[in-house]
Amino acid sequence: QVQLVESGGGLVQAGGSLRLSCAASGQTFKTVAMGWFRQAPGKEREFVAAISWSSGIIFYADSVKGRFTISRDNAKNTVYLQMISLKPEDTAVYYCVADSEISINYYDLESEYDYWGQGTQVTVSS
């Protein structure tokens, strides 16, 4: 099994920045794909970003392109989400995800990820 623990969430003003971290433990060889989803109050959970083991494949949701950057440090079994120019609509619980393979065609589907963290709250005030 894989355990994922997120950190770095908090309250920030619009236009500000935050960096989320997600540390994996356990069978980390299964974290070929890692990424982030988010769920805003009253809305469905949505894909944010995903990255392959080598960092050679990266996907972003259109809503965060140019503002969010996903990266990973395999030596630390950690994936990061650097968020800049934050907007109130970025307010959500952010979930770290992982899977033993990355799906080129379905990377934005929740069902493609076997492992999920508990989530970290990001609140952007206007």
C-alpha atoms as a PDB file:
ATOM      1  CA  GLN A   1       0.000   0.000   0.000  1.00  0.00           C
ATOM      2  CA  VAL A   2       0.895   3.643  -0.348  1.00  0.00           C
ATOM      3  CA  GLN A   3       0.262   6.366   2.195  1.00  0.00           C
ATOM      4  CA  LEU A   4       0.058   9.987   1.083  1.00  0.00           C
ATOM      5  CA  VAL A   5       0.275  12.934   3.463  1.00  0.00           C
ATOM      6  CA  GLU A   6      -0.324  16.466   2.228  1.00  0.00           C
ATOM      7  CA  SER A   7       0.933  19.657   3.828  1.00  0.00           C
ATOM      8  CA  GLY A   8       1.270  23.326   3.009  1.00  0.00           C
ATOM      9  CA  GLY A   9      -2.339  24.402   2.803  1.00  0.00           C
ATOM     10  CA  GLY A  10      -3.610  27.540   4.474  1.00  0.00           C
ATOM     11  CA  LEU A  11      -5.187  30.936   4.070  1.00  0.00           C
ATOM     12  CA  VAL A  12      -3.780  33.353   1.519  1.00  0.00           C
ATOM     13  CA  GLN A  13      -4.963  36.558  -0.108  1.00  0.00           C
ATOM     14  CA  ALA A  14      -5.856  36.695  -3.773  1.00  0.00           C
ATOM     15  CA  GLY A  15      -2.725  37.084  -5.848  1.00  0.00           C
ATOM     16  CA  GLY A  16      -0.651  35.248  -3.285  1.00  0.00           C
ATOM     17  CA  SER A  17       1.252  31.982  -3.457  1.00  0.00           C
ATOM     18  CA  LEU A  18       1.343  28.647  -1.692  1.00  0.00           C
ATOM     19  CA  ARG A  19       3.299  25.449  -2.138  1.00  0.00           C
ATOM     20  CA  LEU A  20       1.675  22.155  -1.334  1.00  0.00           C
ATOM     21  CA  SER A  21       3.714  19.071  -0.575  1.00  0.00           C
ATOM     22  CA  CYS A  22       2.723  15.425  -0.557  1.00  0.00           C
ATOM     23  CA  ALA A  23       4.965  12.815   0.998  1.00  0.00           C
ATOM     24  CA  ALA A  24       4.517   9.207  -0.004  1.00  0.00           C
ATOM     25  CA  SER A  25       5.441   6.231   2.131  1.00  0.00           C
ATOM     26  CA  GLY A  26       5.010   2.506   1.960  1.00  0.00           C
ATOM     27  CA  GLN A  27       5.236   0.883  -1.465  1.00  0.00           C
ATOM     28  CA  THR A  28       6.527   4.001  -3.152  1.00  0.00           C
ATOM     29  CA  PHE A  29       7.436   2.075  -6.296  1.00  0.00           C
ATOM     30  CA  LYS A  30       3.698   2.287  -6.997  1.00  0.00           C
ATOM     31  CA  THR A  31       3.819   6.089  -7.259  1.00  0.00           C
ATOM     32  CA  VAL A  32       4.716   6.172 -10.942  1.00  0.00           C
ATOM     33  CA  ALA A  33       2.031   8.785 -11.439  1.00  0.00           C
ATOM     34  CA  MET A  34       1.393  11.444  -8.830  1.00  0.00           C
ATOM     35  CA  GLY A  35      -0.880  14.393  -8.927  1.00  0.00           C
ATOM     36  CA  TRP A  36      -3.457  16.641  -7.377  1.00  0.00           C
ATOM     37  CA  PHE A  37      -7.218  16.943  -7.414  1.00  0.00           C
ATOM     38  CA  ARG A  38      -9.310  19.530  -5.608  1.00  0.00           C
ATOM     39  CA  GLN A  39     -12.850  19.900  -4.366  1.00  0.00           C
ATOM     40  CA  ALA A  40     -14.459  23.251  -3.753  1.00  0.00           C
ATOM     41  CA  PRO A  41     -17.480  23.627  -1.454  1.00  0.00           C
ATOM     42  CA  GLY A  42     -20.604  22.389  -3.186  1.00  0.00           C
ATOM     43  CA  LYS A  43     -18.724  21.252  -6.270  1.00  0.00           C
ATOM     44  CA  GLU A  44     -17.458  17.986  -7.646  1.00  0.00           C
ATOM     45  CA  ARG A  45     -13.850  17.023  -7.246  1.00  0.00           C
ATOM     46  CA  GLU A  46     -11.740  18.038 -10.222  1.00  0.00           C
ATOM     47  CA  PHE A  47      -8.343  17.273 -11.651  1.00  0.00           C
ATOM     48  CA  VAL A  48      -5.576  19.816 -11.138  1.00  0.00           C
ATOM     49  CA  ALA A  49      -2.262  18.357 -12.278  1.00  0.00           C
ATOM     50  CA  ALA A  50      -0.351  15.105 -12.727  1.00  0.00           C
ATOM     51  CA  ILE A  51       3.258  14.122 -13.262  1.00  0.00           C
ATOM     52  CA  SER A  52       5.047  10.947 -14.280  1.00  0.00           C
ATOM     53  CA  TRP A  53       7.941   9.314 -12.448  1.00  0.00           C
ATOM     54  CA  SER A  54      10.588  10.877 -14.669  1.00  0.00           C
ATOM     55  CA  SER A  55       8.758  14.227 -14.743  1.00  0.00           C
ATOM     56  CA  GLY A  56       8.756  13.839 -18.511  1.00  0.00           C
ATOM     57  CA  ILE A  57       4.964  13.776 -18.702  1.00  0.00           C
ATOM     58  CA  ILE A  58       2.994  16.555 -17.041  1.00  0.00           C
ATOM     59  CA  PHE A  59      -0.654  17.477 -17.331  1.00  0.00           C
ATOM     60  CA  TYR A  60      -2.549  20.500 -16.041  1.00  0.00           C
ATOM     61  CA  ALA A  61      -6.168  21.493 -15.916  1.00  0.00           C
ATOM     62  CA  ASP A  62      -6.849  24.490 -18.142  1.00  0.00           C
ATOM     63  CA  SER A  63      -7.955  26.491 -15.128  1.00  0.00           C
ATOM     64  CA  VAL A  64      -4.501  26.367 -13.534  1.00  0.00           C
ATOM     65  CA  LYS A  65      -2.155  26.431 -16.535  1.00  0.00           C
ATOM     66  CA  GLY A  66       0.408  29.174 -16.220  1.00  0.00           C
ATOM     67  CA  ARG A  67      -0.251  29.596 -12.492  1.00  0.00           C
ATOM     68  CA  PHE A  68       0.419  26.159 -10.973  1.00  0.00           C
ATOM     69  CA  THR A  69       3.541  24.049 -11.346  1.00  0.00           C
ATOM     70  CA  ILE A  70       3.775  20.403 -10.371  1.00  0.00           C
ATOM     71  CA  SER A  71       7.114  18.800  -9.621  1.00  0.00           C
ATOM     72  CA  ARG A  72       8.479  15.811  -7.759  1.00  0.00           C
ATOM     73  CA  ASP A  73      11.574  14.693  -5.897  1.00  0.00           C
ATOM     74  CA  ASN A  74      11.793  10.923  -6.093  1.00  0.00           C
ATOM     75  CA  ALA A  75      14.634  10.774  -3.583  1.00  0.00           C
ATOM     76  CA  LYS A  76      12.226  12.269  -1.047  1.00  0.00           C
ATOM     77  CA  ASN A  77       9.137  10.482  -2.391  1.00  0.00           C
ATOM     78  CA  THR A  78       7.460  13.857  -2.531  1.00  0.00           C
ATOM     79  CA  VAL A  79       5.365  15.716  -5.067  1.00  0.00           C
ATOM     80  CA  TYR A  80       4.858  19.460  -4.950  1.00  0.00           C
ATOM     81  CA  LEU A  81       2.302  21.899  -6.269  1.00  0.00           C
ATOM     82  CA  GLN A  82       3.547  25.465  -6.515  1.00  0.00           C
ATOM     83  CA  MET A  83       0.598  27.817  -6.821  1.00  0.00           C
ATOM     84  CA  ILE A  84       0.934  31.481  -7.746  1.00  0.00           C
ATOM     85  CA  SER A  85      -1.527  34.224  -8.640  1.00  0.00           C
ATOM     86  CA  LEU A  86      -4.116  32.481  -6.521  1.00  0.00           C
ATOM     87  CA  LYS A  87      -7.768  33.348  -7.020  1.00  0.00           C
ATOM     88  CA  PRO A  88     -10.751  32.941  -4.698  1.00  0.00           C
ATOM     89  CA  GLU A  89     -12.013  30.233  -7.030  1.00  0.00           C
ATOM     90  CA  ASP A  90      -8.923  28.170  -6.180  1.00  0.00           C
ATOM     91  CA  THR A  91     -10.365  27.723  -2.692  1.00  0.00           C
ATOM     92  CA  ALA A  92     -10.778  23.990  -2.164  1.00  0.00           C
ATOM     93  CA  VAL A  93      -9.532  20.925  -0.400  1.00  0.00           C
ATOM     94  CA  TYR A  94      -6.542  19.693  -2.362  1.00  0.00           C
ATOM     95  CA  TYR A  95      -5.954  15.961  -2.544  1.00  0.00           C
ATOM     96  CA  CYS A  96      -2.724  14.236  -3.457  1.00  0.00           C
ATOM     97  CA  VAL A  97      -3.074  11.143  -5.626  1.00  0.00           C
ATOM     98  CA  ALA A  98      -0.829   8.378  -6.877  1.00  0.00           C
ATOM     99  CA  ASP A  99      -0.964   5.338  -9.093  1.00  0.00           C
ATOM    100  CA  SER A 100       1.364   2.685 -10.427  1.00  0.00           C
ATOM    101  CA  GLU A 101       1.012   3.956 -13.970  1.00  0.00           C
ATOM    102  CA  ILE A 102       0.178   7.199 -15.711  1.00  0.00           C
ATOM    103  CA  SER A 103      -2.704   7.299 -18.139  1.00  0.00           C
ATOM    104  CA  ILE A 104      -2.073   9.432 -21.184  1.00  0.00           C
ATOM    105  CA  ASN A 105      -5.752   9.495 -22.098  1.00  0.00           C
ATOM    106  CA  TYR A 106      -7.530   9.420 -18.758  1.00  0.00           C
ATOM    107  CA  TYR A 107      -5.143  11.251 -16.416  1.00  0.00           C
ATOM    108  CA  ASP A 108      -7.934  13.587 -15.312  1.00  0.00           C
ATOM    109  CA  LEU A 109     -10.240  10.854 -14.024  1.00  0.00           C
ATOM    110  CA  GLU A 110     -10.421  10.042 -10.321  1.00  0.00           C
ATOM    111  CA  SER A 111     -10.748   6.360 -11.133  1.00  0.00           C
ATOM    112  CA  GLU A 112      -7.224   6.316 -12.586  1.00  0.00           C
ATOM    113  CA  TYR A 113      -5.626   6.815  -9.170  1.00  0.00           C
ATOM    114  CA  ASP A 114      -5.553   4.079  -6.547  1.00  0.00           C
ATOM    115  CA  TYR A 115      -4.076   6.106  -3.707  1.00  0.00           C
ATOM    116  CA  TRP A 116      -5.412   9.275  -2.150  1.00  0.00           C
ATOM    117  CA  GLY A 117      -4.326  11.533   0.670  1.00  0.00           C
ATOM    118  CA  GLN A 118      -6.648  13.023   3.258  1.00  0.00           C
ATOM    119  CA  GLY A 119      -6.538  16.476   1.724  1.00  0.00           C
ATOM    120  CA  THR A 120      -5.325  19.901   2.750  1.00  0.00           C
ATOM    121  CA  GLN A 121      -7.439  23.042   2.790  1.00  0.00           C
ATOM    122  CA  VAL A 122      -6.485  26.007   0.641  1.00  0.00           C
ATOM    123  CA  THR A 123      -8.487  29.172   1.174  1.00  0.00           C
ATOM    124  CA  VAL A 124      -7.978  32.248  -0.985  1.00  0.00           C
ATOM    125  CA  SER A 125      -9.567  35.431   0.301  1.00  0.00           C
ATOM    126  CA  SER A 126     -10.613  38.261  -1.988  1.00  0.00           C
END
